[in-house]
Amino acid sequence: MLKDDPAEQLISAVRTVAGGNALLSPAITKHVIKQFARIPRPVPPKELNYLTAREQDILRLIATGISNAEIGQQLFISETTVKTHVTHILQKLGLRDRVQAVVLAYQTGLIEADTPG
């Protein structure tokens, strides 16, 4: 997190980290993504094909740096449903956390570095 991030984001970040998850500030995430975007893309893992259309939508939204609640609002589904989809995405792709999912989304071209967040 950055020292000038809004208090709400800081509180949410503390809860996320306390829950055992990793977190990057959206500003930092965009910087990291731009760096990764310069690296030639590997062949997408075949597991990416195992994601449903909804899971791919959610992976794209995760990659923009928005929260589960915001994803739910955009897709008109509950936050619990979003969490279930995120769990399935991580399991299907053999990923540890959302950060790895974001990196994979950009590395494989599922989302482009200049996609608005």
N, C-alpha and C. Protein backbone atom coordinates (compact mmCIF):
# COMPACT_ATOMS: atom_id res chain seq x y z
N MET A 1 0.83 -1.18 0.00
CA MET A 1 0.00 0.00 0.00
C MET A 1 0.88 1.25 0.00
N LEU A 2 0.33 2.30 -0.51
CA LEU A 2 1.03 3.58 -0.52
C LEU A 2 0.51 4.46 0.60
N LYS A 3 1.37 5.35 1.09
CA LYS A 3 0.96 6.16 2.23
C LYS A 3 -0.17 7.12 1.90
N ASP A 4 -0.36 7.42 0.60
CA ASP A 4 -1.45 8.33 0.24
C ASP A 4 -2.70 7.60 -0.25
N ASP A 5 -2.75 6.29 -0.09
CA ASP A 5 -3.96 5.54 -0.43
C ASP A 5 -5.06 5.94 0.55
N PRO A 6 -6.32 5.91 0.09
CA PRO A 6 -7.43 6.28 0.97
C PRO A 6 -7.52 5.35 2.19
N ALA A 7 -8.04 5.89 3.29
CA ALA A 7 -8.15 5.13 4.54
C ALA A 7 -8.96 3.85 4.35
N GLU A 8 -10.02 3.92 3.51
CA GLU A 8 -10.85 2.73 3.29
C GLU A 8 -10.02 1.60 2.69
N GLN A 9 -9.12 1.95 1.76
CA GLN A 9 -8.28 0.93 1.14
C GLN A 9 -7.30 0.35 2.15
N LEU A 10 -6.78 1.19 3.03
CA LEU A 10 -5.85 0.73 4.05
C LEU A 10 -6.54 -0.25 4.99
N ILE A 11 -7.75 0.09 5.40
CA ILE A 11 -8.51 -0.80 6.29
C ILE A 11 -8.79 -2.13 5.60
N SER A 12 -9.21 -2.05 4.35
CA SER A 12 -9.48 -3.27 3.58
C SER A 12 -8.20 -4.09 3.41
N ALA A 13 -7.09 -3.41 3.20
CA ALA A 13 -5.81 -4.10 3.03
C ALA A 13 -5.40 -4.84 4.30
N VAL A 14 -5.60 -4.20 5.43
CA VAL A 14 -5.26 -4.83 6.71
C VAL A 14 -6.09 -6.09 6.89
N ARG A 15 -7.38 -6.00 6.58
CA ARG A 15 -8.25 -7.18 6.70
C ARG A 15 -7.83 -8.28 5.74
N THR A 16 -7.48 -7.90 4.53
CA THR A 16 -7.05 -8.88 3.53
C THR A 16 -5.79 -9.61 3.98
N VAL A 17 -4.81 -8.86 4.43
CA VAL A 17 -3.54 -9.44 4.88
C VAL A 17 -3.76 -10.27 6.15
N ALA A 18 -4.59 -9.77 7.05
CA ALA A 18 -4.89 -10.52 8.27
C ALA A 18 -5.57 -11.84 7.95
N GLY A 19 -6.29 -11.89 6.83
CA GLY A 19 -6.94 -13.12 6.39
C GLY A 19 -6.00 -14.08 5.69
N GLY A 20 -4.73 -13.70 5.59
CA GLY A 20 -3.74 -14.59 5.00
C GLY A 20 -3.56 -14.42 3.50
N ASN A 21 -4.13 -13.37 2.92
CA ASN A 21 -4.00 -13.14 1.48
C ASN A 21 -2.96 -12.07 1.19
N ALA A 22 -2.49 -12.04 -0.04
CA ALA A 22 -1.54 -11.03 -0.48
C ALA A 22 -2.30 -9.85 -1.07
N LEU A 23 -1.67 -8.69 -1.07
CA LEU A 23 -2.34 -7.49 -1.58
C LEU A 23 -1.30 -6.51 -2.10
N LEU A 24 -1.63 -5.91 -3.24
CA LEU A 24 -0.83 -4.81 -3.78
C LEU A 24 -1.76 -3.65 -4.03
N SER A 25 -1.28 -2.45 -3.79
CA SER A 25 -2.04 -1.26 -4.10
C SER A 25 -2.29 -1.23 -5.61
N PRO A 26 -3.47 -0.77 -6.06
CA PRO A 26 -3.72 -0.68 -7.50
C PRO A 26 -2.64 0.10 -8.24
N ALA A 27 -2.11 1.16 -7.64
CA ALA A 27 -1.05 1.94 -8.29
C ALA A 27 0.21 1.10 -8.46
N ILE A 28 0.55 0.32 -7.45
CA ILE A 28 1.72 -0.55 -7.53
C ILE A 28 1.46 -1.68 -8.51
N THR A 29 0.26 -2.23 -8.47
CA THR A 29 -0.10 -3.32 -9.37
C THR A 29 0.10 -2.90 -10.82
N LYS A 30 -0.38 -1.71 -11.18
CA LYS A 30 -0.23 -1.24 -12.55
C LYS A 30 1.24 -1.11 -12.93
N HIS A 31 2.07 -0.64 -12.02
CA HIS A 31 3.50 -0.52 -12.30
C HIS A 31 4.13 -1.90 -12.51
N VAL A 32 3.80 -2.82 -11.63
CA VAL A 32 4.33 -4.19 -11.76
C VAL A 32 3.88 -4.81 -13.07
N ILE A 33 2.63 -4.63 -13.41
CA ILE A 33 2.07 -5.20 -14.64
C ILE A 33 2.78 -4.64 -15.86
N LYS A 34 3.03 -3.34 -15.89
CA LYS A 34 3.72 -2.75 -17.03
C LYS A 34 5.10 -3.35 -17.20
N GLN A 35 5.78 -3.64 -16.08
CA GLN A 35 7.09 -4.28 -16.16
C GLN A 35 6.98 -5.69 -16.73
N PHE A 36 5.99 -6.44 -16.25
CA PHE A 36 5.79 -7.80 -16.75
C PHE A 36 5.35 -7.80 -18.20
N ALA A 37 4.63 -6.78 -18.61
CA ALA A 37 4.12 -6.72 -19.98
C ALA A 37 5.25 -6.62 -21.00
N ARG A 38 6.39 -6.15 -20.58
CA ARG A 38 7.54 -6.02 -21.47
C ARG A 38 8.21 -7.36 -21.75
N ILE A 39 7.96 -8.31 -20.90
CA ILE A 39 8.55 -9.64 -21.05
C ILE A 39 7.74 -10.40 -22.10
N PRO A 40 8.40 -11.10 -23.03
CA PRO A 40 7.64 -11.87 -24.03
C PRO A 40 6.67 -12.84 -23.36
N ARG A 41 5.49 -12.95 -23.93
CA ARG A 41 4.45 -13.79 -23.34
C ARG A 41 4.74 -15.27 -23.56
N PRO A 42 4.59 -16.04 -22.50
CA PRO A 42 4.72 -17.49 -22.66
C PRO A 42 3.45 -18.05 -23.29
N VAL A 43 3.54 -19.28 -23.73
CA VAL A 43 2.34 -19.95 -24.23
C VAL A 43 1.36 -20.08 -23.07
N PRO A 44 0.11 -19.66 -23.28
CA PRO A 44 -0.86 -19.76 -22.18
C PRO A 44 -0.98 -21.21 -21.70
N PRO A 45 -1.07 -21.39 -20.40
CA PRO A 45 -1.22 -22.76 -19.90
C PRO A 45 -2.56 -23.34 -20.36
N LYS A 46 -2.56 -24.62 -20.66
CA LYS A 46 -3.79 -25.26 -21.15
C LYS A 46 -4.92 -25.16 -20.13
N GLU A 47 -4.55 -25.02 -18.85
CA GLU A 47 -5.55 -24.89 -17.79
C GLU A 47 -6.43 -23.65 -17.98
N LEU A 48 -5.92 -22.65 -18.69
CA LEU A 48 -6.72 -21.44 -18.94
C LEU A 48 -7.99 -21.80 -19.73
N ASN A 49 -7.89 -22.84 -20.55
CA ASN A 49 -9.05 -23.29 -21.32
C ASN A 49 -10.11 -23.95 -20.45
N TYR A 50 -9.72 -24.36 -19.24
CA TYR A 50 -10.67 -25.01 -18.33
C TYR A 50 -11.56 -24.02 -17.60
N LEU A 51 -11.22 -22.73 -17.69
CA LEU A 51 -12.04 -21.72 -17.02
C LEU A 51 -13.34 -21.51 -17.80
N THR A 52 -14.42 -21.36 -17.07
CA THR A 52 -15.69 -21.02 -17.71
C THR A 52 -15.62 -19.57 -18.19
N ALA A 53 -16.58 -19.19 -19.02
CA ALA A 53 -16.63 -17.80 -19.50
C ALA A 53 -16.74 -16.83 -18.32
N ARG A 54 -17.54 -17.19 -17.32
CA ARG A 54 -17.71 -16.34 -16.14
C ARG A 54 -16.39 -16.23 -15.38
N GLU A 55 -15.69 -17.35 -15.22
CA GLU A 55 -14.40 -17.32 -14.51
C GLU A 55 -13.40 -16.46 -15.27
N GLN A 56 -13.42 -16.52 -16.60
CA GLN A 56 -12.52 -15.66 -17.38
C GLN A 56 -12.88 -14.19 -17.18
N ASP A 57 -14.17 -13.88 -17.14
CA ASP A 57 -14.60 -12.50 -16.87
C ASP A 57 -14.07 -12.04 -15.52
N ILE A 58 -14.21 -12.90 -14.53
CA ILE A 58 -13.77 -12.54 -13.18
C ILE A 58 -12.26 -12.40 -13.12
N LEU A 59 -11.54 -13.27 -13.81
CA LEU A 59 -10.08 -13.15 -13.85
C LEU A 59 -9.67 -11.82 -14.47
N ARG A 60 -10.34 -11.43 -15.53
CA ARG A 60 -10.04 -10.12 -16.15
C ARG A 60 -10.29 -8.98 -15.16
N LEU A 61 -11.38 -9.07 -14.42
CA LEU A 61 -11.70 -8.01 -13.45
C LEU A 61 -10.72 -8.02 -12.28
N ILE A 62 -10.31 -9.20 -11.83
CA ILE A 62 -9.28 -9.28 -10.79
C ILE A 62 -8.04 -8.55 -11.26
N ALA A 63 -7.70 -8.76 -12.52
CA ALA A 63 -6.47 -8.17 -13.07
C ALA A 63 -6.53 -6.66 -13.15
N THR A 64 -7.73 -6.08 -13.10
CA THR A 64 -7.82 -4.62 -13.10
C THR A 64 -7.62 -4.04 -11.71
N GLY A 65 -7.54 -4.92 -10.70
CA GLY A 65 -7.24 -4.47 -9.34
C GLY A 65 -8.46 -4.17 -8.50
N ILE A 66 -9.64 -4.56 -8.95
CA ILE A 66 -10.83 -4.25 -8.14
C ILE A 66 -11.12 -5.38 -7.16
N SER A 67 -11.89 -5.06 -6.14
CA SER A 67 -12.19 -5.99 -5.06
C SER A 67 -13.30 -6.97 -5.45
N ASN A 68 -13.47 -7.99 -4.64
CA ASN A 68 -14.56 -8.95 -4.86
C ASN A 68 -15.92 -8.25 -4.84
N ALA A 69 -16.09 -7.33 -3.91
CA ALA A 69 -17.36 -6.60 -3.82
C ALA A 69 -17.62 -5.80 -5.10
N GLU A 70 -16.59 -5.16 -5.62
CA GLU A 70 -16.74 -4.38 -6.85
C GLU A 70 -17.02 -5.29 -8.05
N ILE A 71 -16.36 -6.44 -8.08
CA ILE A 71 -16.63 -7.41 -9.15
C ILE A 71 -18.09 -7.85 -9.09
N GLY A 72 -18.54 -8.16 -7.88
CA GLY A 72 -19.93 -8.57 -7.70
C GLY A 72 -20.91 -7.51 -8.18
N GLN A 73 -20.62 -6.25 -7.87
CA GLN A 73 -21.49 -5.16 -8.31
C GLN A 73 -21.53 -5.07 -9.82
N GLN A 74 -20.36 -5.19 -10.46
CA GLN A 74 -20.30 -5.09 -11.92
C GLN A 74 -21.02 -6.23 -12.62
N LEU A 75 -20.92 -7.43 -12.03
CA LEU A 75 -21.50 -8.61 -12.67
C LEU A 75 -22.88 -8.97 -12.11
N PHE A 76 -23.36 -8.18 -11.15
CA PHE A 76 -24.66 -8.41 -10.53
C PHE A 76 -24.75 -9.80 -9.88
N ILE A 77 -23.68 -10.14 -9.16
CA ILE A 77 -23.65 -11.38 -8.39
C ILE A 77 -23.16 -11.04 -6.98
N SER A 78 -23.37 -11.96 -6.04
CA SER A 78 -22.97 -11.69 -4.66
C SER A 78 -21.45 -11.80 -4.50
N GLU A 79 -20.96 -11.16 -3.46
CA GLU A 79 -19.53 -11.24 -3.16
C GLU A 79 -19.14 -12.68 -2.85
N THR A 80 -20.02 -13.42 -2.22
CA THR A 80 -19.75 -14.84 -1.92
C THR A 80 -19.58 -15.63 -3.21
N THR A 81 -20.41 -15.35 -4.20
CA THR A 81 -20.29 -16.02 -5.49
C THR A 81 -18.96 -15.68 -6.16
N VAL A 82 -18.57 -14.42 -6.06
CA VAL A 82 -17.28 -14.00 -6.61
C VAL A 82 -16.16 -14.78 -5.93
N LYS A 83 -16.20 -14.87 -4.60
CA LYS A 83 -15.16 -15.60 -3.85
C LYS A 83 -15.10 -17.05 -4.30
N THR A 84 -16.26 -17.66 -4.55
CA THR A 84 -16.30 -19.05 -5.02
C THR A 84 -15.62 -19.15 -6.38
N HIS A 85 -15.94 -18.22 -7.27
CA HIS A 85 -15.30 -18.23 -8.59
C HIS A 85 -13.79 -18.03 -8.48
N VAL A 86 -13.37 -17.11 -7.62
CA VAL A 86 -11.93 -16.86 -7.44
C VAL A 86 -11.24 -18.13 -6.95
N THR A 87 -11.85 -18.81 -6.01
CA THR A 87 -11.29 -20.07 -5.51
C THR A 87 -11.15 -21.08 -6.63
N HIS A 88 -12.18 -21.20 -7.47
CA HIS A 88 -12.12 -22.14 -8.59
C HIS A 88 -11.04 -21.75 -9.59
N ILE A 89 -10.92 -20.46 -9.86
CA ILE A 89 -9.89 -19.98 -10.78
C ILE A 89 -8.50 -20.37 -10.28
N LEU A 90 -8.24 -20.07 -9.01
CA LEU A 90 -6.93 -20.37 -8.43
C LEU A 90 -6.66 -21.87 -8.46
N GLN A 91 -7.67 -22.68 -8.13
CA GLN A 91 -7.50 -24.13 -8.14
C GLN A 91 -7.23 -24.65 -9.55
N LYS A 92 -8.03 -24.22 -10.51
CA LYS A 92 -7.90 -24.71 -11.88
C LYS A 92 -6.54 -24.34 -12.49
N LEU A 93 -6.05 -23.16 -12.12
CA LEU A 93 -4.79 -22.68 -12.70
C LEU A 93 -3.58 -23.04 -11.84
N GLY A 94 -3.82 -23.65 -10.69
CA GLY A 94 -2.72 -24.04 -9.81
C GLY A 94 -1.97 -22.84 -9.25
N LEU A 95 -2.72 -21.80 -8.91
CA LEU A 95 -2.12 -20.56 -8.40
C LEU A 95 -2.34 -20.44 -6.90
N ARG A 96 -1.43 -19.72 -6.27
CA ARG A 96 -1.44 -19.55 -4.82
C ARG A 96 -2.36 -18.43 -4.37
N ASP A 97 -2.41 -17.33 -5.16
CA ASP A 97 -3.17 -16.16 -4.72
C ASP A 97 -3.54 -15.27 -5.90
N ARG A 98 -4.26 -14.20 -5.59
CA ARG A 98 -4.72 -13.27 -6.62
C ARG A 98 -3.57 -12.61 -7.37
N VAL A 99 -2.49 -12.36 -6.68
CA VAL A 99 -1.34 -11.71 -7.34
C VAL A 99 -0.85 -12.58 -8.49
N GLN A 100 -0.72 -13.88 -8.24
CA GLN A 100 -0.29 -14.78 -9.31
C GLN A 100 -1.32 -14.79 -10.44
N ALA A 101 -2.59 -14.72 -10.10
CA ALA A 101 -3.65 -14.70 -11.12
C ALA A 101 -3.54 -13.45 -11.99
N VAL A 102 -3.27 -12.31 -11.37
CA VAL A 102 -3.12 -11.06 -12.11
C VAL A 102 -1.92 -11.15 -13.06
N VAL A 103 -0.81 -11.63 -12.57
CA VAL A 103 0.39 -11.75 -13.41
C VAL A 103 0.09 -12.67 -14.59
N LEU A 104 -0.54 -13.81 -14.33
CA LEU A 104 -0.87 -14.74 -15.40
C LEU A 104 -1.81 -14.11 -16.43
N ALA A 105 -2.79 -13.36 -15.98
CA ALA A 105 -3.73 -12.70 -16.89
C ALA A 105 -3.01 -11.76 -17.85
N TYR A 106 -2.04 -11.04 -17.34
CA TYR A 106 -1.29 -10.12 -18.19
C TYR A 106 -0.27 -10.86 -19.05
N GLN A 107 0.41 -11.83 -18.48
CA GLN A 107 1.43 -12.57 -19.23
C GLN A 107 0.82 -13.29 -20.43
N THR A 108 -0.36 -13.80 -20.28
CA THR A 108 -0.99 -14.58 -21.33
C THR A 108 -1.82 -13.74 -22.28
N GLY A 109 -1.93 -12.45 -22.02
CA GLY A 109 -2.68 -11.57 -22.91
C GLY A 109 -4.19 -11.59 -22.67
N LEU A 110 -4.62 -12.23 -21.58
CA LEU A 110 -6.04 -12.22 -21.25
C LEU A 110 -6.52 -10.79 -21.03
N ILE A 111 -5.60 -9.97 -20.56
CA ILE A 111 -5.88 -8.54 -20.38
C ILE A 111 -4.61 -7.78 -20.77
N GLU A 112 -4.76 -6.61 -21.32
CA GLU A 112 -3.62 -5.81 -21.75
C GLU A 112 -3.23 -4.79 -20.68
N ALA A 113 -1.97 -4.41 -20.67
CA ALA A 113 -1.44 -3.49 -19.65
C ALA A 113 -2.14 -2.14 -19.66
N ASP A 114 -2.69 -1.73 -20.78
CA ASP A 114 -3.33 -0.42 -20.82
C ASP A 114 -4.85 -0.49 -20.64
N THR A 115 -5.36 -1.66 -20.22
CA THR A 115 -6.79 -1.79 -19.94
C THR A 115 -7.12 -0.96 -18.72
N PRO A 116 -8.16 -0.11 -18.80
CA PRO A 116 -8.50 0.72 -17.63
C PRO A 116 -8.95 -0.13 -16.46
N GLY A 117 -8.57 0.32 -15.24
CA GLY A 117 -8.93 -0.40 -14.03
C GLY A 117 -10.11 0.18 -13.34
